[in-house]
Protein backbone atom coordinates (compact mmCIF):
# COMPACT_ATOMS: atom_id res chain seq x y z
CA UNK A 1 -0.04 -0.07 0.05
CA UNK A 2 1.17 3.49 -1.03
CA UNK A 3 0.29 6.99 -0.79
CA UNK A 4 -2.76 6.29 -2.54
CA UNK A 5 -4.22 4.32 0.29
CA UNK A 6 -2.82 6.77 2.80
CA UNK A 7 -4.86 9.73 0.90
CA UNK A 8 -7.88 7.91 0.75
CA UNK A 9 -7.86 6.69 4.37
CA UNK A 10 -7.08 10.17 5.54
CA UNK A 11 -9.99 11.24 3.71
CA UNK A 12 -12.42 8.83 5.17
CA UNK A 13 -10.94 9.66 8.79
CA UNK A 14 -11.85 13.13 7.97
CA UNK A 15 -15.24 12.78 6.96
CA UNK A 16 -15.97 10.35 9.68
CA UNK A 17 -15.28 12.86 12.55
CA UNK A 18 -17.96 14.18 14.43
CA UNK A 19 -19.82 16.83 12.41
CA UNK A 20 -19.67 19.61 14.62
CA UNK A 21 -15.88 19.47 14.81
CA UNK A 22 -15.83 19.19 11.08
CA UNK A 23 -18.17 22.12 10.50
CA UNK A 24 -15.92 24.20 13.01
CA UNK A 25 -12.73 23.42 11.27
CA UNK A 26 -14.09 24.29 8.19
CA UNK A 27 -15.72 27.64 9.21
CA UNK A 28 -12.27 28.86 10.67
CA UNK A 29 -10.27 27.74 7.33
CA UNK A 30 -12.91 29.65 5.02
CA UNK A 31 -13.00 32.63 7.37
CA UNK A 32 -9.04 32.84 7.79
CA UNK A 33 -8.59 32.07 3.66
CA UNK A 34 -11.33 34.77 3.07
CA UNK A 35 -9.70 37.25 5.24
CA UNK A 36 -6.50 36.85 3.98
CA UNK A 37 -7.35 36.65 0.13
CA UNK A 38 -10.61 38.18 -0.26
CA UNK A 39 -14.35 36.99 -0.03
CA UNK A 40 -14.80 36.28 -3.72
CA UNK A 41 -14.13 32.68 -4.56
CA UNK A 42 -13.51 33.50 -8.23
CA UNK A 43 -10.85 35.91 -7.29
CA UNK A 44 -9.44 33.93 -4.09
CA UNK A 45 -8.72 30.70 -5.62
CA UNK A 46 -7.55 29.10 -2.12
CA UNK A 47 -11.23 30.09 -0.87
CA UNK A 48 -12.80 28.44 -4.08
CA UNK A 49 -10.85 25.23 -3.18
CA UNK A 50 -12.03 25.44 0.36
CA UNK A 51 -15.59 25.99 -0.24
CA UNK A 52 -15.46 22.99 -2.88
CA UNK A 53 -14.24 20.66 -0.44
CA UNK A 54 -16.58 21.81 2.08
CA UNK A 55 -19.48 21.29 -0.01
CA UNK A 56 -17.96 17.76 -0.58
CA UNK A 57 -18.05 16.87 3.03
CA UNK A 58 -21.66 18.33 3.19
CA UNK A 59 -20.91 21.32 5.13
CA UNK A 60 -24.34 23.29 5.34
CA UNK A 61 -24.34 26.32 3.33
CA UNK A 62 -25.16 28.34 6.11
CA UNK A 63 -21.84 27.58 7.92
CA UNK A 64 -19.89 28.72 4.85
CA UNK A 65 -22.09 32.00 4.06
CA UNK A 66 -21.76 32.59 7.85
CA UNK A 67 -17.83 32.39 7.78
CA UNK A 68 -17.57 34.69 4.94
CA UNK A 69 -20.23 37.10 6.14
CA UNK A 70 -17.73 37.66 9.20
CA UNK A 71 -15.05 38.86 7.15
CA UNK A 72 -17.11 41.19 5.25
CA UNK A 73 -18.42 42.69 8.39
CA UNK A 74 -14.69 43.07 9.73
CA UNK A 75 -14.79 40.43 12.71
CA UNK A 76 -11.36 40.70 14.33
CA UNK A 77 -10.77 36.78 14.69
CA UNK A 78 -7.46 35.46 13.73
CA UNK A 79 -6.41 31.97 13.39
CA UNK A 80 -2.82 30.58 13.16
CA UNK A 81 -1.62 27.53 11.34
CA UNK A 82 0.69 25.54 13.32
CA UNK A 83 2.16 22.12 13.10
CA UNK A 84 3.54 19.61 15.44
CA UNK A 85 5.68 16.79 14.76
CA UNK A 86 5.57 13.40 16.74
CA UNK A 87 6.93 9.85 16.95
CA UNK A 88 4.62 7.01 17.48
CA UNK A 89 5.09 3.28 18.22
CA UNK A 90 6.78 0.98 15.76
CA UNK A 91 8.58 3.41 14.05
CA UNK A 92 5.38 5.41 13.11
CA UNK A 93 5.60 9.39 12.99
CA UNK A 94 3.08 11.99 12.72
CA UNK A 95 2.56 15.75 11.55
CA UNK A 96 -0.26 17.48 13.39
CA UNK A 97 -1.69 20.57 11.70
CA UNK A 98 -3.84 22.91 13.92
CA UNK A 99 -5.76 25.96 13.05
CA UNK A 100 -5.61 28.16 16.38
CA UNK A 101 -6.87 31.01 17.93
CA UNK A 102 -5.17 30.46 21.05
CA UNK A 103 -1.51 28.77 20.56
CA UNK A 104 -0.83 28.13 24.04
CA UNK A 105 -4.03 26.09 24.61
CA UNK A 106 -3.09 24.37 21.38
CA UNK A 107 0.24 23.25 22.54
CA UNK A 108 -1.27 22.21 25.90
CA UNK A 109 -3.68 20.07 24.09
CA UNK A 110 -1.47 18.29 22.22
CA UNK A 111 1.02 17.82 24.95
CA UNK A 112 -1.79 16.25 26.97
CA UNK A 113 -2.51 13.81 24.08
CA UNK A 114 0.99 13.02 24.12
CA UNK A 115 1.32 12.24 27.76
CA UNK A 116 -1.64 9.85 27.61
CA UNK A 117 -0.61 7.79 24.62
CA UNK A 118 2.57 6.40 23.13
CA UNK A 119 3.36 9.77 21.15
CA UNK A 120 6.28 11.72 21.82
CA UNK A 121 6.52 15.27 20.78
CA UNK A 122 9.42 15.89 18.38
CA UNK A 123 11.57 18.96 17.51
CA UNK A 124 11.00 20.95 14.51
CA UNK A 125 12.16 19.22 11.58
CA UNK A 126 12.66 15.85 13.03
CA UNK A 127 9.76 14.33 11.22
CA UNK A 128 8.91 16.79 8.32
CA UNK A 129 11.98 15.69 6.31
CA UNK A 130 10.35 12.43 5.75
CA UNK A 131 7.45 13.83 3.81
CA UNK A 132 6.76 15.67 0.97
CA UNK A 133 4.55 18.61 0.38
CA UNK A 134 2.04 17.81 -2.55
CA UNK A 135 -1.37 18.51 -4.03
CA UNK A 136 -3.35 15.32 -4.95
CA UNK A 137 -6.41 14.90 -7.35
CA UNK A 138 -8.30 11.85 -7.51
CA UNK A 139 -11.00 10.90 -9.81
CA UNK A 140 -12.44 8.21 -11.93
CA UNK A 141 -13.45 7.61 -15.53
CA UNK A 142 -9.84 7.91 -17.28
CA UNK A 143 -6.98 5.76 -17.53
CA UNK A 144 -3.45 6.45 -16.33
CA UNK A 145 -2.16 6.57 -19.90
CA UNK A 146 -4.72 8.96 -21.06
CA UNK A 147 -4.41 11.26 -17.98
CA UNK A 148 -0.52 11.22 -18.32
CA UNK A 149 -1.08 12.17 -21.83
CA UNK A 150 -3.40 15.12 -21.11
CA UNK A 151 -1.15 16.63 -18.40
CA UNK A 152 2.14 16.11 -20.48
CA UNK A 153 0.44 18.00 -23.28
CA UNK A 154 -0.83 20.80 -20.92
CA UNK A 155 3.16 21.34 -19.75
CA UNK A 156 2.11 20.24 -16.15
CA UNK A 157 5.15 18.93 -14.20
CA UNK A 158 3.57 15.98 -12.50
CA UNK A 159 5.16 14.31 -9.26
CA UNK A 160 3.54 10.86 -9.66
CA UNK A 161 0.39 8.95 -11.00
CA UNK A 162 -1.22 6.25 -9.00
CA UNK A 163 -3.89 3.78 -9.48
CA UNK A 164 -6.01 2.58 -6.67
CA UNK A 165 -8.72 0.55 -8.06
CA UNK A 166 -10.56 2.46 -10.63
CA UNK A 167 -9.16 5.80 -8.73
CA UNK A 168 -6.59 7.50 -10.50
CA UNK A 169 -4.60 9.87 -8.48
CA UNK A 170 -2.10 12.67 -9.70
CA UNK A 171 0.21 14.16 -7.42
CA UNK A 172 1.96 17.58 -8.13
CA UNK A 173 3.92 20.27 -6.43
CA UNK A 174 1.58 22.60 -4.63
CA UNK A 175 2.45 25.63 -7.06
CA UNK A 176 0.94 23.46 -9.76
CA UNK A 177 -2.31 22.72 -8.30
CA UNK A 178 -4.37 25.41 -10.12
CA UNK A 179 -2.55 24.42 -13.45
CA UNK A 180 -3.05 20.79 -13.18
CA UNK A 181 -6.63 21.03 -12.06
CA UNK A 182 -7.69 23.48 -14.94
CA UNK A 183 -5.95 21.30 -17.55
CA UNK A 184 -8.08 18.36 -16.22
CA UNK A 185 -11.32 20.31 -16.24
CA UNK A 186 -10.67 21.55 -19.64
CA UNK A 187 -9.70 18.01 -20.98
CA UNK A 188 -12.72 16.42 -19.36
CA UNK A 189 -15.63 18.76 -18.61
CA UNK A 190 -17.64 16.39 -16.55
CA UNK A 191 -14.74 15.34 -14.26
CA UNK A 192 -15.80 14.73 -10.66
CA UNK A 193 -12.68 14.95 -8.02
CA UNK A 194 -13.54 12.64 -5.42
CA UNK A 195 -9.80 13.68 -3.75
CA UNK A 196 -8.77 17.07 -3.95
CA UNK A 197 -5.99 17.81 -1.28
CA UNK A 198 -3.02 19.96 -0.49
CA UNK A 199 -0.94 18.28 2.19
CA UNK A 200 2.04 16.27 3.40
CA UNK A 201 2.83 12.52 2.44
CA UNK A 202 5.14 10.28 3.88
CA UNK A 203 7.89 9.03 1.27
CA UNK A 204 7.94 5.52 3.21
CA UNK A 205 5.10 3.81 5.03
CA UNK A 206 5.20 1.37 7.94
CA UNK A 207 2.75 -1.35 8.94
CA UNK A 208 1.63 -1.99 12.63
CA UNK A 209 0.35 -4.98 14.30
CA UNK A 210 -0.70 -5.55 17.74
CA UNK A 211 -0.17 -3.40 20.35
CA UNK A 212 1.54 -0.99 18.24
CA UNK A 213 -1.31 -0.74 16.07
CA UNK A 214 -3.81 -0.37 19.09
CA UNK A 215 -1.62 2.32 20.51
CA UNK A 216 -1.44 4.29 17.38
CA UNK A 217 -5.08 4.29 16.46
CA UNK A 218 -5.27 5.55 20.26
CA UNK A 219 -3.07 8.52 19.32
CA UNK A 220 -5.49 9.36 16.33
CA UNK A 221 -8.60 9.16 18.55
CA UNK A 222 -7.37 11.56 21.02
CA UNK A 223 -6.28 14.15 18.45
CA UNK A 224 -9.62 13.72 16.79
CA UNK A 225 -10.85 15.01 19.77
CA UNK A 226 -8.84 18.23 19.91
CA UNK A 227 -10.93 20.95 18.63
CA UNK A 228 -7.82 22.72 17.00
CA UNK A 229 -6.55 19.83 15.23
CA UNK A 230 -7.47 20.19 11.43
CA UNK A 231 -5.61 17.33 9.99
CA UNK A 232 -3.00 14.73 10.93
CA UNK A 233 -0.53 13.31 8.26
CA UNK A 234 1.27 9.95 9.19
CA UNK A 235 3.11 7.26 7.78
CA UNK A 236 1.01 4.20 8.97
CA UNK A 237 -0.72 1.90 6.56
CA UNK A 238 -4.29 1.69 7.96
């Protein structure tokens, strides 16, 4: 199992999270992206992408609209993106991404999880060098060769293409995200992106068993309960 499985597992884990937290994370992310780049999705590609993702995960339109309206009204909220690195059992590791309006509270929450599990907080850079920062688009209905030709002809620099069942996943550097997505939408007008992510993906994966697997799942479960945690990247095949 490679990155394709990891991406799908991460996506499923996120949609399985409690709805209240899911809505809260998207509300904060939409607010911050709109505040930084403008409230018009057509003029703010990052906002357009987040709104599309939110809709796919069935976030109510009211949640999306309220977040944008807060920016229009000049609300004074501000969120900081912060990442924490950690080692887990059996050679596992994690990068914990948070969106916080109170970094001290967030740090305390992450440390609490580490103290109650097999996780050990690592220094900055101790884990991240083992990950690649990539965007990934996943879709069905086209062959790997067809997609490769389409992107080559559009002069898109592709990092990798994987096939997971009938799902094609295309990886590229984040700064090629818009170019890659536009090329695919132009070539295939009815394309439906089942995965549309920009994140960190482990270069090498590990498989855990027994107590190590149980301990690692406990880490993920506890992190899922931390309101400020927006995503967890890891190197474990689940």
